[in-house]
Structures are given as structure tokens and as C-alpha cells.
Protein backbone atom coordinates (compact mmCIF):
# COMPACT_ATOMS: atom_id res chain seq x y z
CA MET A 1 147.62 53.49 112.29
CA PRO A 2 145.35 55.86 110.34
CA THR A 3 143.72 58.87 111.97
CA TYR A 4 139.93 58.66 111.89
CA ARG A 5 137.33 61.41 112.10
CA PHE A 6 133.66 60.47 111.95
CA ARG A 7 131.24 63.27 111.08
CA TYR A 8 127.52 62.97 111.71
CA PHE A 9 124.60 64.65 113.44
CA ASN A 10 124.18 64.43 117.21
CA ALA A 11 122.00 61.36 116.75
CA LYS A 12 122.30 57.58 116.46
CA ALA A 13 120.23 57.13 113.26
CA PHE A 14 122.53 56.24 110.34
CA GLY A 15 125.76 56.82 112.24
CA GLU A 16 125.60 54.58 115.27
CA VAL A 17 126.67 51.29 113.68
CA SER A 18 130.01 52.87 112.76
CA ARG A 19 130.43 54.32 116.26
CA LEU A 20 129.66 50.88 117.74
CA LEU A 21 132.32 49.32 115.50
CA PHE A 22 134.90 51.86 116.65
CA ALA A 23 133.97 51.02 120.25
CA LEU A 24 134.11 47.26 119.68
CA ALA A 25 137.54 47.57 118.05
CA GLY A 26 138.84 49.84 120.82
CA GLN A 27 139.86 52.23 118.07
CA GLY A 28 140.17 55.91 118.90
CA TYR A 29 138.58 58.47 116.57
CA GLU A 30 137.18 61.98 116.57
CA ASP A 31 133.41 61.84 117.03
CA ALA A 32 132.47 65.12 115.30
CA ARG A 33 128.79 65.90 115.83
CA PHE A 34 126.74 68.55 114.07
CA THR A 35 123.35 70.17 114.66
CA GLN A 36 120.79 71.38 112.14
CA GLU A 37 122.21 74.85 112.76
CA THR A 38 125.88 73.94 112.16
CA TRP A 39 125.22 71.52 109.29
CA PRO A 40 124.76 74.08 106.44
CA ALA A 41 128.29 75.41 106.95
CA GLU A 42 129.69 71.87 107.02
CA LYS A 43 127.79 70.56 103.98
CA PRO A 44 130.22 71.97 101.34
CA ASN A 45 133.05 70.13 103.13
CA THR A 46 131.48 66.70 102.51
CA PRO A 47 132.10 64.52 99.43
CA LEU A 48 128.39 63.95 98.66
CA GLY A 49 126.62 66.82 100.43
CA GLN A 50 125.38 64.51 103.14
CA MET A 51 126.50 62.74 106.31
CA PRO A 52 127.83 60.52 107.77
CA VAL A 53 131.37 61.11 106.54
CA LEU A 54 134.46 59.15 107.50
CA ASP A 55 137.75 61.02 107.19
CA ILE A 56 140.78 58.72 107.01
CA ASP A 57 144.03 60.65 107.29
CA GLY A 58 142.15 63.65 105.91
CA LYS A 59 140.56 61.84 102.94
CA SER A 60 136.75 61.89 103.07
CA PHE A 61 134.24 59.14 102.26
CA GLY A 62 130.43 59.13 102.44
CA GLN A 63 127.53 56.66 102.59
CA SER A 64 126.75 55.02 105.92
CA SER A 65 126.71 51.41 104.68
CA ALA A 66 129.99 51.83 102.80
CA ILE A 67 131.61 53.30 105.92
CA SER A 68 130.37 50.59 108.30
CA ARG A 69 131.40 47.82 105.90
CA TYR A 70 134.86 49.35 105.53
CA LEU A 71 135.28 49.60 109.30
CA ALA A 72 134.05 46.03 109.80
CA ARG A 73 136.53 44.70 107.23
CA THR A 74 139.38 46.80 108.63
CA PHE A 75 138.74 45.82 112.25
CA GLY A 76 138.00 42.13 111.54
CA PHE A 77 134.23 42.07 112.05
CA TYR A 78 133.16 40.87 108.59
CA GLY A 79 133.34 37.12 109.15
CA ASN A 80 136.11 34.72 108.19
CA GLY A 81 136.29 34.40 104.41
CA ASP A 82 133.94 35.13 101.55
CA LEU A 83 131.12 32.77 102.60
CA GLU A 84 130.85 34.30 106.06
CA ALA A 85 131.03 37.78 104.51
CA LEU A 86 128.12 36.74 102.26
CA ALA A 87 126.21 35.58 105.35
CA VAL A 88 126.86 38.97 106.98
CA ASP A 89 125.61 40.79 103.86
CA GLN A 90 122.49 38.60 103.85
CA VAL A 91 121.65 39.78 107.37
CA LEU A 92 122.37 43.39 106.45
CA GLY A 93 119.88 43.08 103.59
CA VAL A 94 117.10 41.97 105.94
CA ILE A 95 117.93 44.75 108.40
CA GLN A 96 117.89 47.30 105.57
CA ASP A 97 114.37 46.12 104.64
CA VAL A 98 113.25 46.92 108.20
CA ILE A 99 114.96 50.33 108.13
CA THR A 100 113.36 51.16 104.77
CA ALA A 101 109.89 50.37 106.13
CA LEU A 102 110.64 52.34 109.31
CA MET A 103 111.81 55.39 107.35
CA LYS A 104 108.70 55.28 105.18
CA SER A 105 106.52 55.58 108.26
CA PHE A 106 108.65 58.39 109.72
CA GLN A 107 108.56 60.40 106.49
CA GLU A 108 104.81 60.11 105.93
CA LYS A 109 103.18 63.52 106.53
CA ASP A 110 99.55 62.40 106.60
CA GLU A 111 98.84 61.33 110.18
CA ALA A 112 96.23 58.74 109.22
CA LYS A 113 98.58 57.13 106.69
CA LYS A 114 101.44 57.30 109.19
CA ALA A 115 99.35 55.42 111.78
CA GLU A 116 98.44 52.85 109.13
CA LEU A 117 102.09 52.35 108.15
CA ARG A 118 103.14 52.03 111.79
CA LYS A 119 100.45 49.40 112.40
CA GLU A 120 101.55 47.43 109.34
CA LEU A 121 105.15 47.69 110.49
CA ALA A 122 104.37 46.39 113.99
CA ASP A 123 101.82 43.75 112.99
CA VAL A 124 103.22 42.46 109.69
CA LYS A 125 106.67 43.61 108.64
CA ILE A 126 108.58 43.38 111.90
CA PRO A 127 107.27 39.85 112.63
CA LEU A 128 108.18 38.86 109.05
CA TYR A 129 111.72 40.24 109.13
CA PHE A 130 112.48 39.30 112.74
CA GLY A 131 111.31 35.79 111.89
CA MET A 132 113.89 35.77 109.09
CA LEU A 133 116.61 36.96 111.47
CA GLU A 134 115.63 34.28 114.00
CA LYS A 135 115.96 31.63 111.27
CA LEU A 136 119.39 32.91 110.19
CA LEU A 137 120.61 32.81 113.79
CA LYS A 138 119.33 29.24 114.14
CA ASN A 139 121.28 28.31 111.01
CA ASN A 140 124.50 29.25 112.85
CA GLY A 141 123.80 26.76 115.60
CA SER A 142 121.76 29.01 117.89
CA THR A 143 124.95 30.61 119.21
CA GLY A 144 123.36 34.05 119.35
CA LEU A 145 125.71 35.18 116.59
CA PHE A 146 125.03 35.25 112.86
CA VAL A 147 128.42 33.94 111.65
CA GLY A 148 131.11 31.91 113.34
CA LYS A 149 131.82 32.44 117.02
CA LYS A 150 132.75 36.13 117.02
CA ILE A 151 130.67 39.33 116.96
CA SER A 152 130.39 40.63 113.40
CA LEU A 153 128.90 43.61 111.62
CA ALA A 154 125.68 41.59 111.33
CA ASP A 155 125.35 41.30 115.11
CA VAL A 156 126.24 44.96 115.72
CA SER A 157 123.69 46.03 113.10
CA LEU A 158 121.00 43.90 114.76
CA PHE A 159 121.84 45.48 118.13
CA ASP A 160 121.39 48.93 116.60
CA LEU A 161 118.13 47.86 114.91
CA CYS A 162 116.70 46.50 118.17
CA ASP A 163 117.34 49.89 119.77
CA LYS A 164 115.52 51.62 116.90
CA VAL A 165 112.40 49.42 117.02
CA LYS A 166 112.30 48.57 120.74
CA SER A 167 108.85 50.13 121.12
CA MET A 168 107.46 47.96 118.30
CA VAL A 169 108.88 44.51 119.03
CA LYS A 170 108.80 42.12 121.97
CA LEU A 171 112.23 40.50 121.87
CA ALA A 172 111.07 37.63 124.08
CA ASP A 173 109.11 36.42 121.03
CA TYR A 174 112.44 35.97 119.20
CA PRO A 175 114.76 34.22 121.67
CA LEU A 176 117.77 33.99 119.35
CA VAL A 177 117.43 37.62 118.29
CA LYS A 178 117.30 38.52 122.00
CA LYS A 179 120.36 36.35 122.65
CA CYS A 180 122.26 38.09 119.84
CA ASN A 181 121.20 41.52 121.09
CA ASP A 182 122.33 40.56 124.60
CA ASN A 183 125.65 39.17 123.34
CA VAL A 184 126.48 42.52 121.77
CA GLY A 185 125.04 44.62 124.58
CA THR A 186 127.02 42.82 127.30
CA ASN A 187 130.33 43.09 125.44
CA PRO A 188 132.43 45.27 127.80
CA LYS A 189 133.54 47.70 125.07
CA ILE A 190 130.02 48.08 123.66
CA LYS A 191 128.55 48.39 127.15
CA ALA A 192 131.03 51.15 128.04
CA TRP A 193 130.18 53.08 124.87
CA VAL A 194 126.42 52.79 125.37
CA GLU A 195 126.78 54.05 128.94
CA LYS A 196 128.82 57.12 127.95
CA ARG A 197 127.40 58.08 124.55
CA PRO A 198 125.32 61.27 124.32
CA VAL A 199 121.63 60.73 124.99
CA THR A 200 119.74 61.60 121.81
CA GLU A 201 116.12 61.40 120.68
CA PHE A 202 116.81 58.99 117.81
């Protein structure tokens, strides 16, 4: 079994999906966390000058989506076959659209524009994208899972997204999204990780 070290800031942000996958798989790893103060010294030791970084037996790889997809494939959370993997990727695309809109609002410096972007996100974009996610869950027989009958990267990514936008969305309006979120959240391994993980601002 390979030795894993996962390097990221002391935050959920772009690193938590990978940590959730490690938890779901019951796979041990070193959770190496950095602060804004310790990051500059670490930056030259990363392949792309950014984090997260996954070290596998000492070999380093960057890019959060590449890392989470690798872990999902390795641990068996990428669906069963190419069609289910395509269905997972379809969900990840919708979730990325939400994250992109969310990041745009976070990065806006002008307070008036930021408020405008947040309002558009809450009133227009989140209902649009969560409606898409609800439809995709319905297409899998309303099981509360996006593909097959087993938690996949798609479900874990939705769980992480719901945590990020919990102040902007009423999950009761999207019963299948809520069911999926609950399915992941009540998994004993995920539940144990959420209860013990460091409390961070984002």
C-alpha cells in the first residue's frame, strides 16, 4: 500500500473533498496543514507552486480536481465503468460552475459589486444549479445517490458543496439533494471525520 501525504492549508476550501475520500476509504495518510506564515517556505517544495499537493511514496502531484479524481478511482468511488464515470464527471461539472460563481463573489473587492454577486448567486445561480443536481439525482431513481447504489465522488463533492453554500441554500427545497447530502453525512466514516476534523473558517 502506498504512503500518502496530503498538503494543504488549515482550511476545507479546495482540499476537503480529498480528505473526505481518505476518510470514506478508511485510508490512513498524513494530513499536513500549513498557515499563511508557513506557506512561503513550503511553496518551493510543491510541483506547481500551489496547494493542495498529494505525495504518493514521496512523488508529488498538484491540482485539487486531479487529486480527488485519482483518489476516487484508486479507492473505488468513481462509479462502475465508463458510463457511470461520465455521470460522475457530469455532476462535478455542475458543482464546479457553482464553485466558480462562489469564488467570483469572494474575490470581488468592491463591496457593492460583491453584494450584487452574492444576491445573484443566492437568487439565480444556486437555484439553477441545484435544480440541475436535483434532476440528475432523480435520473438515478431518486436513491439519493448520483450513480449506482454506492457513494461516489459526485456525492462526496455535493456534500462538500452543501457545506460551502449552507447559508445561501435551503436544502428542503431540493429533497433529493438533501437526501444525498444526508446519505454522505450519516456514513459512519464520514461522520467520524467531520466530528474530529479541525474547525476552520472556510
